[in-house]
Amino acid sequence: METRSTASRYKTSNLSLAAFLRAQGLRLTSTQRSGRLVVFEFDDPKGELATLQDAYANGEATVNARRFISELNLLRDLIFK
């Protein structure tokens, strides 16, 4: 599930995409749990999310591997706490 709720907010349930967005510096504003599904909400004040999402979806995104793994682990901790 991926939906854009407002011009400056973005929601996704894709864990890898959420980790990528955090590694790129986007601020996670909230998480919402619905059964087994967790939705991550990001703030996008600069309007850069569409470009980042396209790069991620097309396999053209670059990210520091250690930062990505760190963010992935942090999000997993949020899910399973």
N, C-alpha and C. Protein backbone atom coordinates (compact mmCIF):
# COMPACT_ATOMS: atom_id res chain seq x y z
N MET A 1 0.84 -1.18 0.00
CA MET A 1 0.00 0.00 0.00
C MET A 1 0.88 1.24 0.00
N GLU A 2 0.72 2.06 -0.98
CA GLU A 2 1.45 3.32 -1.03
C GLU A 2 0.48 4.40 -1.48
N THR A 3 0.30 5.40 -0.66
CA THR A 3 -0.60 6.49 -1.01
C THR A 3 0.02 7.80 -0.57
N ARG A 4 -0.26 8.81 -1.34
CA ARG A 4 0.17 10.16 -0.99
C ARG A 4 -1.05 10.83 -0.37
N SER A 5 -0.94 11.25 0.90
CA SER A 5 -2.11 11.80 1.58
C SER A 5 -2.24 13.31 1.40
N THR A 6 -1.13 14.03 1.38
CA THR A 6 -1.14 15.47 1.11
C THR A 6 0.12 15.80 0.33
N ALA A 7 0.26 17.05 -0.01
CA ALA A 7 1.43 17.45 -0.79
C ALA A 7 2.74 17.23 -0.03
N SER A 8 2.69 17.30 1.30
CA SER A 8 3.94 17.19 2.04
C SER A 8 4.00 15.92 2.90
N ARG A 9 3.04 15.02 2.77
CA ARG A 9 3.03 13.77 3.55
C ARG A 9 2.95 12.59 2.60
N TYR A 10 3.58 11.50 3.00
CA TYR A 10 3.59 10.30 2.18
C TYR A 10 3.50 9.08 3.08
N LYS A 11 2.67 8.11 2.70
CA LYS A 11 2.52 6.88 3.47
C LYS A 11 2.90 5.68 2.61
N THR A 12 3.59 4.72 3.24
CA THR A 12 3.93 3.48 2.56
C THR A 12 3.97 2.34 3.58
N SER A 13 3.66 1.15 3.12
CA SER A 13 3.81 -0.03 3.96
C SER A 13 5.01 -0.86 3.52
N ASN A 14 5.75 -0.37 2.53
CA ASN A 14 6.93 -1.05 2.01
C ASN A 14 8.13 -0.76 2.92
N LEU A 15 8.56 -1.77 3.67
CA LEU A 15 9.63 -1.61 4.65
C LEU A 15 10.94 -1.16 3.99
N SER A 16 11.30 -1.77 2.89
CA SER A 16 12.56 -1.39 2.21
C SER A 16 12.52 0.04 1.69
N LEU A 17 11.39 0.42 1.11
CA LEU A 17 11.25 1.80 0.63
C LEU A 17 11.32 2.78 1.80
N ALA A 18 10.68 2.43 2.91
CA ALA A 18 10.71 3.30 4.09
C ALA A 18 12.15 3.45 4.60
N ALA A 19 12.91 2.37 4.63
CA ALA A 19 14.31 2.44 5.06
C ALA A 19 15.12 3.30 4.10
N PHE A 20 14.88 3.16 2.81
CA PHE A 20 15.56 3.98 1.82
C PHE A 20 15.25 5.47 2.03
N LEU A 21 13.97 5.79 2.23
CA LEU A 21 13.59 7.19 2.42
C LEU A 21 14.23 7.77 3.67
N ARG A 22 14.28 7.00 4.75
CA ARG A 22 14.97 7.47 5.97
C ARG A 22 16.46 7.65 5.71
N ALA A 23 17.05 6.73 4.98
CA ALA A 23 18.48 6.85 4.67
C ALA A 23 18.77 8.08 3.81
N GLN A 24 17.77 8.53 3.07
CA GLN A 24 17.92 9.73 2.25
C GLN A 24 17.62 11.01 3.02
N GLY A 25 17.24 10.85 4.29
CA GLY A 25 17.04 12.01 5.13
C GLY A 25 15.61 12.46 5.34
N LEU A 26 14.63 11.76 4.77
CA LEU A 26 13.25 12.13 5.02
C LEU A 26 12.87 11.76 6.44
N ARG A 27 12.04 12.58 7.04
CA ARG A 27 11.66 12.41 8.44
C ARG A 27 10.43 11.52 8.55
N LEU A 28 10.55 10.47 9.34
CA LEU A 28 9.43 9.59 9.65
C LEU A 28 8.59 10.29 10.70
N THR A 29 7.31 10.56 10.38
CA THR A 29 6.46 11.31 11.31
C THR A 29 5.59 10.40 12.16
N SER A 30 5.23 9.22 11.64
CA SER A 30 4.42 8.32 12.44
C SER A 30 4.41 6.92 11.81
N THR A 31 4.03 5.97 12.64
CA THR A 31 3.75 4.61 12.17
C THR A 31 2.36 4.25 12.65
N GLN A 32 1.65 3.52 11.81
CA GLN A 32 0.30 3.09 12.15
C GLN A 32 0.20 1.60 11.89
N ARG A 33 -0.30 0.88 12.88
CA ARG A 33 -0.43 -0.57 12.76
C ARG A 33 -1.90 -0.92 12.56
N SER A 34 -2.14 -1.81 11.60
CA SER A 34 -3.47 -2.35 11.36
C SER A 34 -3.31 -3.85 11.18
N GLY A 35 -3.46 -4.59 12.27
CA GLY A 35 -3.20 -6.03 12.22
C GLY A 35 -1.71 -6.26 12.00
N ARG A 36 -1.38 -7.00 10.95
CA ARG A 36 0.02 -7.28 10.62
C ARG A 36 0.65 -6.18 9.77
N LEU A 37 -0.17 -5.29 9.24
CA LEU A 37 0.32 -4.24 8.35
C LEU A 37 0.76 -3.02 9.15
N VAL A 38 1.94 -2.51 8.82
CA VAL A 38 2.44 -1.28 9.42
C VAL A 38 2.63 -0.26 8.30
N VAL A 39 2.08 0.92 8.52
CA VAL A 39 2.19 2.01 7.54
C VAL A 39 3.11 3.07 8.12
N PHE A 40 4.10 3.46 7.33
CA PHE A 40 5.07 4.49 7.71
C PHE A 40 4.66 5.79 7.03
N GLU A 41 4.62 6.87 7.80
CA GLU A 41 4.27 8.17 7.23
C GLU A 41 5.48 9.10 7.30
N PHE A 42 5.77 9.72 6.18
CA PHE A 42 6.93 10.61 6.05
C PHE A 42 6.50 12.03 5.76
N ASP A 43 7.31 12.95 6.22
CA ASP A 43 7.16 14.37 5.92
C ASP A 43 8.04 14.67 4.70
N ASP A 44 7.49 15.37 3.74
CA ASP A 44 8.23 15.70 2.51
C ASP A 44 8.13 17.20 2.21
N PRO A 45 8.70 18.04 3.08
CA PRO A 45 8.54 19.48 2.90
C PRO A 45 9.22 20.04 1.65
N LYS A 46 10.26 19.37 1.17
CA LYS A 46 10.99 19.86 0.00
C LYS A 46 10.41 19.33 -1.31
N GLY A 47 9.45 18.42 -1.25
CA GLY A 47 8.85 17.88 -2.46
C GLY A 47 9.76 16.96 -3.25
N GLU A 48 10.70 16.31 -2.58
CA GLU A 48 11.66 15.46 -3.28
C GLU A 48 11.26 13.99 -3.33
N LEU A 49 10.16 13.65 -2.66
CA LEU A 49 9.81 12.25 -2.52
C LEU A 49 9.50 11.57 -3.85
N ALA A 50 8.80 12.22 -4.74
CA ALA A 50 8.45 11.61 -6.02
C ALA A 50 9.71 11.21 -6.79
N THR A 51 10.72 12.06 -6.78
CA THR A 51 11.98 11.75 -7.46
C THR A 51 12.68 10.57 -6.80
N LEU A 52 12.72 10.56 -5.47
CA LEU A 52 13.34 9.46 -4.74
C LEU A 52 12.59 8.14 -4.98
N GLN A 53 11.27 8.20 -4.94
CA GLN A 53 10.47 7.00 -5.15
C GLN A 53 10.67 6.45 -6.57
N ASP A 54 10.72 7.31 -7.56
CA ASP A 54 10.96 6.87 -8.93
C ASP A 54 12.33 6.21 -9.07
N ALA A 55 13.35 6.82 -8.49
CA ALA A 55 14.70 6.24 -8.55
C ALA A 55 14.72 4.87 -7.88
N TYR A 56 14.04 4.75 -6.74
CA TYR A 56 13.98 3.47 -6.02
C TYR A 56 13.26 2.42 -6.87
N ALA A 57 12.11 2.77 -7.41
CA ALA A 57 11.31 1.84 -8.19
C ALA A 57 12.01 1.39 -9.47
N ASN A 58 12.82 2.26 -10.05
CA ASN A 58 13.51 1.95 -11.31
C ASN A 58 14.90 1.37 -11.11
N GLY A 59 15.28 1.12 -9.86
CA GLY A 59 16.60 0.54 -9.57
C GLY A 59 17.74 1.50 -9.82
N GLU A 60 17.46 2.80 -9.80
CA GLU A 60 18.48 3.81 -10.08
C GLU A 60 18.92 4.56 -8.82
N ALA A 61 18.38 4.18 -7.67
CA ALA A 61 18.68 4.88 -6.43
C ALA A 61 20.03 4.43 -5.88
N THR A 62 20.73 5.36 -5.29
CA THR A 62 21.97 5.03 -4.60
C THR A 62 21.82 5.47 -3.15
N VAL A 63 22.42 4.67 -2.27
CA VAL A 63 22.33 4.97 -0.84
C VAL A 63 23.52 4.34 -0.15
N ASN A 64 23.96 4.94 0.93
CA ASN A 64 25.03 4.37 1.73
C ASN A 64 24.51 3.07 2.34
N ALA A 65 25.18 1.97 2.08
CA ALA A 65 24.71 0.65 2.51
C ALA A 65 24.58 0.55 4.03
N ARG A 66 25.54 1.07 4.76
CA ARG A 66 25.48 1.01 6.23
C ARG A 66 24.31 1.82 6.77
N ARG A 67 24.08 2.95 6.17
CA ARG A 67 22.95 3.79 6.61
C ARG A 67 21.63 3.09 6.30
N PHE A 68 21.52 2.48 5.13
CA PHE A 68 20.30 1.76 4.76
C PHE A 68 20.02 0.62 5.74
N ILE A 69 21.03 -0.19 6.04
CA ILE A 69 20.86 -1.31 6.97
C ILE A 69 20.50 -0.79 8.36
N SER A 70 21.14 0.28 8.78
CA SER A 70 20.83 0.88 10.08
C SER A 70 19.37 1.31 10.15
N GLU A 71 18.90 1.97 9.10
CA GLU A 71 17.51 2.43 9.06
C GLU A 71 16.54 1.25 8.98
N LEU A 72 16.90 0.23 8.22
CA LEU A 72 16.08 -0.97 8.12
C LEU A 72 15.93 -1.63 9.49
N ASN A 73 17.03 -1.75 10.21
CA ASN A 73 16.99 -2.33 11.56
C ASN A 73 16.15 -1.48 12.51
N LEU A 74 16.28 -0.16 12.42
CA LEU A 74 15.50 0.73 13.26
C LEU A 74 14.01 0.54 13.00
N LEU A 75 13.62 0.48 11.74
CA LEU A 75 12.20 0.29 11.41
C LEU A 75 11.71 -1.08 11.85
N ARG A 76 12.52 -2.10 11.71
CA ARG A 76 12.12 -3.42 12.21
C ARG A 76 11.92 -3.38 13.71
N ASP A 77 12.78 -2.68 14.42
CA ASP A 77 12.61 -2.54 15.86
C ASP A 77 11.29 -1.86 16.20
N LEU A 78 10.91 -0.85 15.42
CA LEU A 78 9.63 -0.18 15.64
C LEU A 78 8.46 -1.14 15.42
N ILE A 79 8.58 -1.99 14.42
CA ILE A 79 7.50 -2.92 14.09
C ILE A 79 7.34 -3.99 15.17
N PHE A 80 8.45 -4.52 15.62
CA PHE A 80 8.41 -5.68 16.51
C PHE A 80 8.58 -5.35 17.99
N LYS A 81 8.52 -4.08 18.35
CA LYS A 81 8.69 -3.74 19.77
C LYS A 81 7.48 -4.12 20.58
